[in-house]
Amino acid sequence: MYYHRQLERKIIELTEEYACLTLFGARQTGKSTMIRNLFPEYEYVTLDSSRERILATDDPELFLSAHGTPLIIDEIQKAPGLMENIKIRIDEAKLKRVNEDVSLPIMYILTGSNTHEIREGASESLAGRTALIEVSSLSECEKLEKKGCAFIPDIEVLKRKQTGLIPKNRYEVFDEIFLGGMPEYWTLRLNRDTFFESYIATYLEKDVSRMVNVGRLDDFRKFMRVVALRTSQQLDYTEIGNAVGIDARTAKNWISILESSGIVMILQPYANNLAKRIIKTPKIYFMDTGLCAFLCGWTDAGILEASSMAGAFFETYVVSEIVKSIRNDGKRVENTLYYYRDRDQKEVDLIFEIDQTLYPVEIKKGIGKDKANKNFSILEQYKMPIATGLVIDTSDRLYPLSKDAYYCPVGMIGI
């Protein structure tokens, strides 16, 4: 069964505006499946094929001539030099149409699993010629086959949307957390251990081995588990390094590999010159809670829900769902989403900055936290407008906590 992706609308729009699209994100998030479903008539080639990869690397011009356009190229990061030749072909096609008042039809759709390499290659070789699109694992809206949109923390917007809300209790939410959203695993309901073991092995073999000495892959696998156990926490490279047996510099480098592969996201603290006591340390979140739960060794959703890590997993789930909703709308979370913590241990889990207004958000897995918004007022130091805050929990409806904050059901994310 194919689950339609929210990004499909944006991708179709962009094919009218760009000659090239570049999709990137973690392995097994459905990039190739989505593109091939949207454009079944386009020729498809994967650089996982050694024959195609060798030709694309040794003679990129011949490779492109052999396949023509429109062309889907999967695993583009395996032949980065190909982007320069794609640029030349796009520019030649544009030149031929210089006197025509029509857009250039889509020529190439590129997909790959290394965020950093693809962004870097596209910005150097295809700047202004390709649209960059980040793909995440299935969101809850996609699983429910709802249309969905970017989560906007505006209380008036949320009030208008709650009519279609289907409430979920805490146990149902933790079932979703435990399963995660990897499309193949979700749709086919494969054996959990076999799927994630294979996923990690493929990731280590195909992505990590190109950036880490092969002899250290066992260390990297241990490192992944150590990081998973610290999801939703502030990054302490020294502490993580000590747990694995590597130095802090290596730990920082390996975190960047996880980030560039789309496995984790790094959330930056909110700061400006007025904040004198803020801790300038980012937080880390796994983008798929199913993978995170597997790495941590959890074998049952109920046990996870009752564990000491339940709060961390609920926060990870909420943040990842918000990030997915934003990305699925074709937008980036950078310069929009932050968190706050200062040396007095006052914290706001999430801060949206939208049009010079701050929207504070607290995340609680339980219900009825009367003082959950107690730290929202700390944001007054920034001398910026502060909108009505949210406490995202497992309540069944949107309702006021105070004149400055509302409880918001987790099921409202993305609808």
Protein backbone atom coordinates (compact mmCIF):
# COMPACT_ATOMS: atom_id res chain seq x y z
CA MET A 1 0.00 0.00 0.00
CA TYR A 2 1.29 3.45 -0.92
CA TYR A 3 0.71 6.30 1.56
CA HIS A 4 0.47 9.65 -0.19
CA ARG A 5 2.94 12.20 1.14
CA GLN A 6 2.12 15.78 2.05
CA LEU A 7 5.19 16.91 0.11
CA GLU A 8 3.62 15.74 -3.15
CA ARG A 9 1.70 19.01 -3.55
CA LYS A 10 4.85 21.09 -3.15
CA ILE A 11 6.88 18.87 -5.46
CA ILE A 12 4.33 19.17 -8.26
CA GLU A 13 4.30 22.97 -7.81
CA LEU A 14 8.09 23.12 -7.99
CA THR A 15 8.27 21.11 -11.21
CA GLU A 16 6.55 24.10 -12.83
CA GLU A 17 9.22 26.47 -11.52
CA TYR A 18 12.52 24.58 -11.64
CA ALA A 19 14.38 22.44 -14.18
CA CYS A 20 15.78 20.32 -11.36
CA LEU A 21 14.55 19.10 -7.96
CA THR A 22 16.86 17.67 -5.29
CA LEU A 23 15.34 15.51 -2.54
CA PHE A 24 17.39 14.46 0.47
CA GLY A 25 16.81 12.86 3.86
CA ALA A 26 17.51 9.74 5.91
CA ARG A 27 17.47 6.31 4.31
CA GLN A 28 14.13 4.54 4.00
CA THR A 29 12.05 7.72 4.30
CA GLY A 30 10.37 7.07 0.96
CA LYS A 31 12.11 9.58 -1.34
CA SER A 32 12.45 7.30 -4.35
CA THR A 33 9.07 5.64 -3.84
CA MET A 34 7.30 9.00 -3.73
CA ILE A 35 9.05 10.35 -6.82
CA ARG A 36 8.48 7.18 -8.85
CA ASN A 37 4.82 7.18 -7.83
CA LEU A 38 4.42 10.83 -8.84
CA PHE A 39 6.30 10.52 -12.14
CA PRO A 40 6.02 6.90 -13.32
CA GLU A 41 6.73 7.92 -16.92
CA TYR A 42 10.17 9.36 -16.10
CA GLU A 43 13.25 7.23 -16.61
CA TYR A 44 14.77 6.10 -13.31
CA VAL A 45 18.38 5.19 -12.60
CA THR A 46 20.09 4.46 -9.28
CA LEU A 47 23.78 4.98 -8.61
CA ASP A 48 23.63 1.99 -6.29
CA SER A 49 24.20 0.14 -9.56
CA SER A 50 27.97 -0.16 -9.97
CA ARG A 51 27.70 0.05 -13.77
CA GLU A 52 25.73 3.29 -13.64
CA ARG A 53 27.89 4.73 -10.86
CA ILE A 54 31.14 4.04 -12.72
CA LEU A 55 29.84 5.64 -15.91
CA ALA A 56 28.44 8.66 -14.02
CA THR A 57 31.79 9.13 -12.26
CA ASP A 58 34.15 8.44 -15.18
CA ASP A 59 32.16 10.08 -17.98
CA PRO A 60 29.25 12.14 -16.63
CA GLU A 61 28.53 13.68 -20.03
CA LEU A 62 28.12 10.26 -21.63
CA PHE A 63 25.98 9.13 -18.68
CA LEU A 64 23.56 12.04 -19.15
CA SER A 65 23.46 11.59 -22.93
CA ALA A 66 22.67 7.90 -22.53
CA HIS A 67 19.63 8.59 -20.37
CA GLY A 68 18.10 11.80 -21.68
CA THR A 69 15.43 13.80 -19.85
CA PRO A 70 13.33 13.90 -17.75
CA LEU A 71 15.49 11.68 -15.58
CA ILE A 72 15.32 10.57 -11.94
CA ILE A 73 18.77 9.91 -10.46
CA ASP A 74 18.81 8.10 -7.10
CA GLU A 75 21.75 8.22 -4.64
CA ILE A 76 23.21 11.28 -6.39
CA GLN A 77 25.80 11.74 -3.62
CA LYS A 78 27.69 8.75 -5.03
CA ALA A 79 28.68 10.76 -8.12
CA PRO A 80 28.90 14.37 -6.92
CA GLY A 81 30.71 15.47 -10.07
CA LEU A 82 27.56 14.76 -12.02
CA MET A 83 25.95 17.93 -10.67
CA GLU A 84 28.32 20.16 -12.61
CA ASN A 85 27.35 18.50 -15.88
CA ILE A 86 23.65 18.73 -14.96
CA LYS A 87 24.18 22.47 -14.44
CA ILE A 88 25.70 22.81 -17.92
CA ARG A 89 22.78 20.99 -19.53
CA ILE A 90 20.22 23.10 -17.67
CA ASP A 91 21.99 26.30 -18.71
CA GLU A 92 22.13 25.15 -22.33
CA ALA A 93 18.40 24.39 -22.27
CA LYS A 94 17.66 27.79 -20.73
CA LEU A 95 19.72 29.52 -23.41
CA LYS A 96 17.72 27.83 -26.17
CA ARG A 97 14.51 29.15 -24.59
CA VAL A 98 15.79 32.65 -23.86
CA ASN A 99 13.32 34.25 -26.26
CA GLU A 100 10.36 32.14 -25.15
CA ASP A 101 8.11 33.37 -22.37
CA VAL A 102 7.66 29.91 -20.78
CA SER A 103 9.36 28.11 -17.91
CA LEU A 104 11.85 25.35 -18.55
CA PRO A 105 10.22 21.92 -18.09
CA ILE A 106 11.59 19.64 -15.39
CA MET A 107 14.75 17.88 -16.58
CA TYR A 108 16.23 16.16 -13.54
CA ILE A 109 15.02 14.91 -10.16
CA LEU A 110 17.87 13.97 -7.84
CA THR A 111 17.55 12.02 -4.60
CA GLY A 112 20.05 11.06 -1.93
CA SER A 113 20.57 10.24 1.71
CA ASN A 114 23.43 12.51 2.76
CA THR A 115 22.07 15.94 3.63
CA HIS A 116 25.41 17.69 3.96
CA GLU A 117 26.97 16.35 0.75
CA ILE A 118 23.86 17.03 -1.31
CA ARG A 119 23.28 20.53 0.06
CA GLU A 120 26.94 21.38 -0.46
CA GLY A 121 27.03 19.96 -3.97
CA ALA A 122 23.77 21.63 -4.97
CA SER A 123 24.78 25.01 -3.55
CA GLU A 124 28.10 24.91 -5.41
CA SER A 125 27.01 23.44 -8.75
CA LEU A 126 23.24 23.96 -9.01
CA ALA A 127 22.65 27.20 -7.14
CA GLY A 128 19.53 28.87 -8.51
CA ARG A 129 18.81 25.86 -10.72
CA THR A 130 17.42 23.31 -8.27
CA ALA A 131 14.87 23.31 -5.45
CA LEU A 132 16.07 21.56 -2.29
CA ILE A 133 13.46 19.40 -0.53
CA GLU A 134 14.03 17.54 2.75
CA VAL A 135 12.05 14.30 3.23
CA SER A 136 11.32 12.80 6.66
CA SER A 137 9.67 9.53 7.68
CA LEU A 138 5.87 9.35 7.74
CA SER A 139 4.09 11.89 9.92
CA GLU A 140 0.98 10.95 11.90
CA CYS A 141 -1.18 12.90 9.44
CA GLU A 142 0.26 10.88 6.57
CA LYS A 143 -0.39 7.62 8.41
CA LEU A 144 -4.01 8.72 8.91
CA GLU A 145 -4.13 9.78 5.23
CA LYS A 146 -5.09 13.34 6.14
CA LYS A 147 -4.17 16.35 4.01
CA GLY A 148 -2.13 18.08 6.71
CA CYS A 149 -0.18 21.33 6.80
CA ALA A 150 2.60 23.05 8.74
CA PHE A 151 1.91 23.34 12.47
CA ILE A 152 1.26 26.99 13.34
CA PRO A 153 1.11 27.68 17.11
CA ASP A 154 -1.40 30.51 16.71
CA ILE A 155 -4.32 29.89 19.06
CA GLU A 156 -6.95 31.33 16.69
CA VAL A 157 -5.73 29.08 13.87
CA LEU A 158 -5.83 26.05 16.16
CA LYS A 159 -9.36 26.87 17.36
CA ARG A 160 -10.58 26.73 13.76
CA LYS A 161 -8.93 23.36 13.21
CA GLN A 162 -9.97 21.41 16.28
CA THR A 163 -13.32 20.37 14.74
CA GLY A 164 -11.60 17.57 12.84
CA LEU A 165 -9.50 16.40 15.78
CA ILE A 166 -9.53 12.69 16.65
CA PRO A 167 -8.17 12.56 20.24
CA LYS A 168 -5.55 9.98 21.23
CA ASN A 169 -4.84 8.92 24.78
CA ARG A 170 -1.33 8.52 26.14
CA TYR A 171 -1.21 4.78 25.46
CA GLU A 172 -2.20 5.23 21.82
CA VAL A 173 0.42 7.94 21.41
CA PHE A 174 3.13 5.67 22.82
CA ASP A 175 2.14 2.95 20.37
CA GLU A 176 2.83 5.47 17.60
CA ILE A 177 6.10 6.49 19.25
CA PHE A 178 7.22 2.87 19.50
CA LEU A 179 6.43 2.11 15.85
CA GLY A 180 7.91 5.26 14.34
CA GLY A 181 7.25 6.26 10.74
CA MET A 182 9.64 4.45 8.40
CA PRO A 183 7.33 3.90 5.38
CA GLU A 184 8.38 0.34 4.50
CA TYR A 185 8.18 -0.83 8.10
CA TRP A 186 4.89 0.98 8.71
CA THR A 187 3.09 -0.13 5.56
CA LEU A 188 4.29 -3.75 5.42
CA ARG A 189 4.50 -4.26 9.21
CA LEU A 190 7.76 -6.14 8.86
CA ASN A 191 9.48 -7.89 11.75
CA ARG A 192 10.69 -5.01 13.90
CA ASP A 193 14.07 -6.40 14.92
CA THR A 194 14.92 -7.58 11.42
CA PHE A 195 13.93 -4.28 9.83
CA PHE A 196 15.87 -2.00 12.18
CA GLU A 197 18.91 -4.30 12.31
CA SER A 198 19.01 -4.23 8.51
CA TYR A 199 18.44 -0.49 8.48
CA ILE A 200 21.37 0.18 10.82
CA ALA A 201 23.66 -2.25 8.98
CA THR A 202 22.85 -0.61 5.63
CA TYR A 203 23.31 2.86 7.07
CA LEU A 204 26.69 1.95 8.56
CA GLU A 205 27.86 0.18 5.41
CA LYS A 206 26.69 2.70 2.80
CA ASP A 207 26.81 6.07 4.55
CA VAL A 208 28.96 5.99 7.65
CA SER A 209 31.78 3.85 6.21
CA ARG A 210 32.57 6.64 3.72
CA MET A 211 33.15 9.09 6.57
CA VAL A 212 34.46 6.91 9.40
CA ASN A 213 37.31 4.40 9.43
CA VAL A 214 35.72 1.01 8.72
CA GLY A 215 37.46 -0.44 11.78
CA ARG A 216 35.45 1.96 13.98
CA LEU A 217 31.98 1.01 12.74
CA ASP A 218 31.34 -1.03 15.90
CA ASP A 219 32.19 2.08 17.93
CA PHE A 220 29.82 4.12 15.78
CA ARG A 221 26.99 1.67 16.36
CA LYS A 222 27.59 1.93 20.12
CA PHE A 223 27.71 5.70 19.69
CA MET A 224 24.27 5.67 18.00
CA ARG A 225 22.80 3.87 21.02
CA VAL A 226 24.43 6.28 23.47
CA VAL A 227 22.99 9.25 21.55
CA ALA A 228 19.55 7.62 21.33
CA LEU A 229 19.52 7.31 25.12
CA ARG A 230 20.05 11.08 25.26
CA THR A 231 17.35 12.15 22.82
CA SER A 232 15.72 15.50 23.77
CA GLN A 233 18.70 16.34 25.99
CA GLN A 234 21.35 19.02 25.66
CA LEU A 235 24.46 17.92 23.83
CA ASP A 236 27.48 17.19 25.98
CA TYR A 237 30.18 15.93 23.61
CA THR A 238 32.61 15.10 26.40
CA GLU A 239 30.06 13.03 28.31
CA ILE A 240 28.96 11.19 25.15
CA GLY A 241 32.57 10.60 24.16
CA ASN A 242 33.40 9.15 27.58
CA ALA A 243 30.43 6.77 27.34
CA VAL A 244 31.67 5.46 23.98
CA GLY A 245 35.43 5.65 24.55
CA ILE A 246 36.17 8.44 22.07
CA ASP A 247 37.27 12.04 22.54
CA ALA A 248 34.89 15.00 22.48
CA ARG A 249 36.12 16.14 19.07
CA THR A 250 35.30 12.76 17.52
CA ALA A 251 31.92 12.74 19.26
CA LYS A 252 31.12 16.14 17.75
CA ASN A 253 32.19 14.96 14.30
CA TRP A 254 30.06 11.81 14.61
CA ILE A 255 27.04 13.87 15.72
CA SER A 256 27.43 15.88 12.51
CA ILE A 257 27.33 12.60 10.55
CA LEU A 258 24.04 11.64 12.20
CA GLU A 259 22.67 15.10 11.45
CA SER A 260 23.85 15.13 7.82
CA SER A 261 22.27 11.69 7.33
CA GLY A 262 18.90 12.93 8.58
CA ILE A 263 18.94 10.59 11.60
CA VAL A 264 18.86 13.41 14.15
CA MET A 265 18.11 17.11 14.21
CA ILE A 266 19.89 19.72 16.30
CA LEU A 267 17.75 22.38 17.98
CA GLN A 268 19.55 25.62 18.74
CA PRO A 269 18.90 27.76 21.84
CA TYR A 270 17.13 31.06 21.35
CA ALA A 271 19.41 33.99 22.05
CA ASN A 272 20.04 37.63 21.33
CA ASN A 273 22.14 40.30 22.96
CA LEU A 274 19.62 40.79 25.77
CA ALA A 275 19.99 37.24 27.10
CA LYS A 276 22.80 37.29 29.65
CA ARG A 277 22.24 34.00 31.43
CA ILE A 278 21.29 31.67 28.60
CA ILE A 279 23.06 28.35 28.08
CA LYS A 280 24.26 28.25 24.47
CA THR A 281 24.17 24.47 24.09
CA PRO A 282 21.98 22.81 21.45
CA LYS A 283 19.60 19.92 22.05
CA ILE A 284 19.42 16.74 19.98
CA TYR A 285 16.36 14.84 18.79
CA PHE A 286 15.98 11.62 16.82
CA MET A 287 13.76 12.18 13.81
CA ASP A 288 12.21 8.70 13.94
CA THR A 289 11.10 7.55 17.38
CA GLY A 290 10.81 3.92 16.24
CA LEU A 291 14.51 3.79 15.35
CA CYS A 292 15.36 5.61 18.59
CA ALA A 293 13.32 3.14 20.70
CA PHE A 294 15.01 0.20 18.96
CA LEU A 295 18.49 1.59 19.59
CA CYS A 296 17.61 2.15 23.26
CA GLY A 297 16.54 -1.49 23.59
CA TRP A 298 12.83 -0.96 24.28
CA THR A 299 10.78 -3.99 23.21
CA ASP A 300 7.26 -2.88 24.14
CA ALA A 301 5.35 0.41 23.92
CA GLY A 302 3.78 -0.05 27.35
CA ILE A 303 7.12 -0.59 29.04
CA LEU A 304 8.49 2.51 27.31
CA GLU A 305 5.47 4.57 28.40
CA ALA A 306 6.05 3.55 32.04
CA SER A 307 9.81 4.12 31.94
CA SER A 308 11.93 7.03 33.11
CA MET A 309 12.52 7.91 29.44
CA ALA A 310 8.82 8.38 28.66
CA GLY A 311 9.01 12.17 28.91
CA ALA A 312 12.08 12.34 26.67
CA PHE A 313 10.40 10.16 24.04
CA PHE A 314 7.16 12.16 24.16
CA GLU A 315 9.11 15.39 23.68
CA THR A 316 11.10 13.81 20.84
CA TYR A 317 7.85 12.70 19.21
CA VAL A 318 6.26 16.15 19.46
CA VAL A 319 9.33 17.97 18.15
CA SER A 320 9.83 15.52 15.28
CA GLU A 321 6.14 15.77 14.29
CA ILE A 322 6.32 19.56 14.29
CA VAL A 323 9.50 19.48 12.21
CA LYS A 324 7.93 17.02 9.76
CA SER A 325 4.84 19.21 9.38
CA ILE A 326 7.02 22.21 8.55
CA ARG A 327 9.22 20.30 6.11
CA ASN A 328 6.19 18.68 4.48
CA ASP A 329 4.96 22.18 3.69
CA GLY A 330 8.19 22.80 1.80
CA LYS A 331 9.67 25.03 4.51
CA ARG A 332 12.80 24.84 6.67
CA VAL A 333 12.83 24.92 10.46
CA GLU A 334 16.05 26.92 10.74
CA ASN A 335 15.44 30.47 11.96
CA THR A 336 11.96 29.46 13.11
CA LEU A 337 12.26 26.86 15.89
CA TYR A 338 14.36 27.11 19.07
CA TYR A 339 14.36 26.27 22.77
CA TYR A 340 15.30 28.23 25.91
CA ARG A 341 17.21 27.27 29.03
CA ASP A 342 19.25 29.49 31.31
CA ARG A 343 21.70 28.93 34.15
CA ASP A 344 18.86 29.21 36.63
CA GLN A 345 17.38 26.05 35.02
CA LYS A 346 14.39 27.94 33.66
CA GLU A 347 13.36 26.29 30.41
CA VAL A 348 10.88 26.64 27.56
CA ASP A 349 10.79 23.46 25.48
CA LEU A 350 10.10 25.16 22.14
CA ILE A 351 10.02 28.71 20.88
CA PHE A 352 8.61 29.61 17.48
CA GLU A 353 9.75 32.95 16.10
CA ILE A 354 7.25 34.03 13.44
CA ASP A 355 7.11 37.58 12.08
CA GLN A 356 9.07 38.97 15.04
CA THR A 357 6.67 37.38 17.54
CA LEU A 358 7.60 34.63 20.02
CA TYR A 359 5.30 31.63 20.54
CA PRO A 360 6.29 29.62 23.66
CA VAL A 361 5.49 25.90 23.82
CA GLU A 362 5.80 23.45 26.70
CA ILE A 363 5.60 19.68 26.12
CA LYS A 364 4.08 17.39 28.78
CA LYS A 365 3.15 13.71 28.37
CA GLY A 366 0.57 13.96 31.16
CA ILE A 367 -2.52 16.12 31.61
CA GLY A 368 -3.36 18.82 34.17
CA LYS A 369 0.05 20.40 34.70
CA ASP A 370 -1.23 23.61 36.28
CA LYS A 371 2.13 25.41 36.25
CA ALA A 372 3.32 24.10 32.91
CA ASN A 373 3.53 27.65 31.53
CA LYS A 374 5.38 29.09 34.52
CA ASN A 375 8.51 29.95 32.52
CA PHE A 376 6.81 31.63 29.56
CA SER A 377 7.22 35.06 31.16
CA ILE A 378 11.02 34.70 31.05
CA LEU A 379 10.80 35.55 27.35
CA GLU A 380 9.76 39.10 28.22
CA GLN A 381 13.48 39.91 28.48
CA TYR A 382 13.64 39.95 24.67
CA LYS A 383 11.30 42.95 24.43
CA MET A 384 9.34 41.26 21.66
CA PRO A 385 5.62 40.46 21.34
CA ILE A 386 4.76 37.15 23.03
CA ALA A 387 1.77 35.26 21.67
CA THR A 388 -0.53 32.98 23.65
CA GLY A 389 1.54 29.95 24.66
CA LEU A 390 0.75 26.27 24.28
CA VAL A 391 1.14 23.24 26.52
CA ILE A 392 1.13 20.24 24.17
CA ASP A 393 -0.10 17.12 25.96
CA THR A 394 -2.49 14.18 25.56
CA SER A 395 -5.64 16.14 26.40
CA ASP A 396 -8.70 15.60 24.21
CA ARG A 397 -9.37 19.20 23.22
CA LEU A 398 -7.97 22.71 23.06
CA TYR A 399 -8.82 24.62 26.25
CA PRO A 400 -7.39 27.48 28.33
CA LEU A 401 -4.89 27.01 31.11
CA SER A 402 -4.75 30.77 31.75
CA LYS A 403 -5.26 33.98 29.82
CA ASP A 404 -1.76 33.51 28.40
CA ALA A 405 -1.71 29.78 27.58
CA TYR A 406 -3.82 26.89 26.26
CA TYR A 407 -3.59 23.13 26.52
CA CYS A 408 -3.15 21.72 23.02
CA PRO A 409 -3.76 18.03 22.13
CA VAL A 410 -0.75 16.37 20.50
CA GLY A 411 -3.08 15.17 17.75
CA MET A 412 -3.43 18.74 16.47
CA ILE A 413 0.12 18.79 15.13
CA GLY A 414 0.03 18.96 11.36
CA ILE A 415 -3.74 18.82 10.80
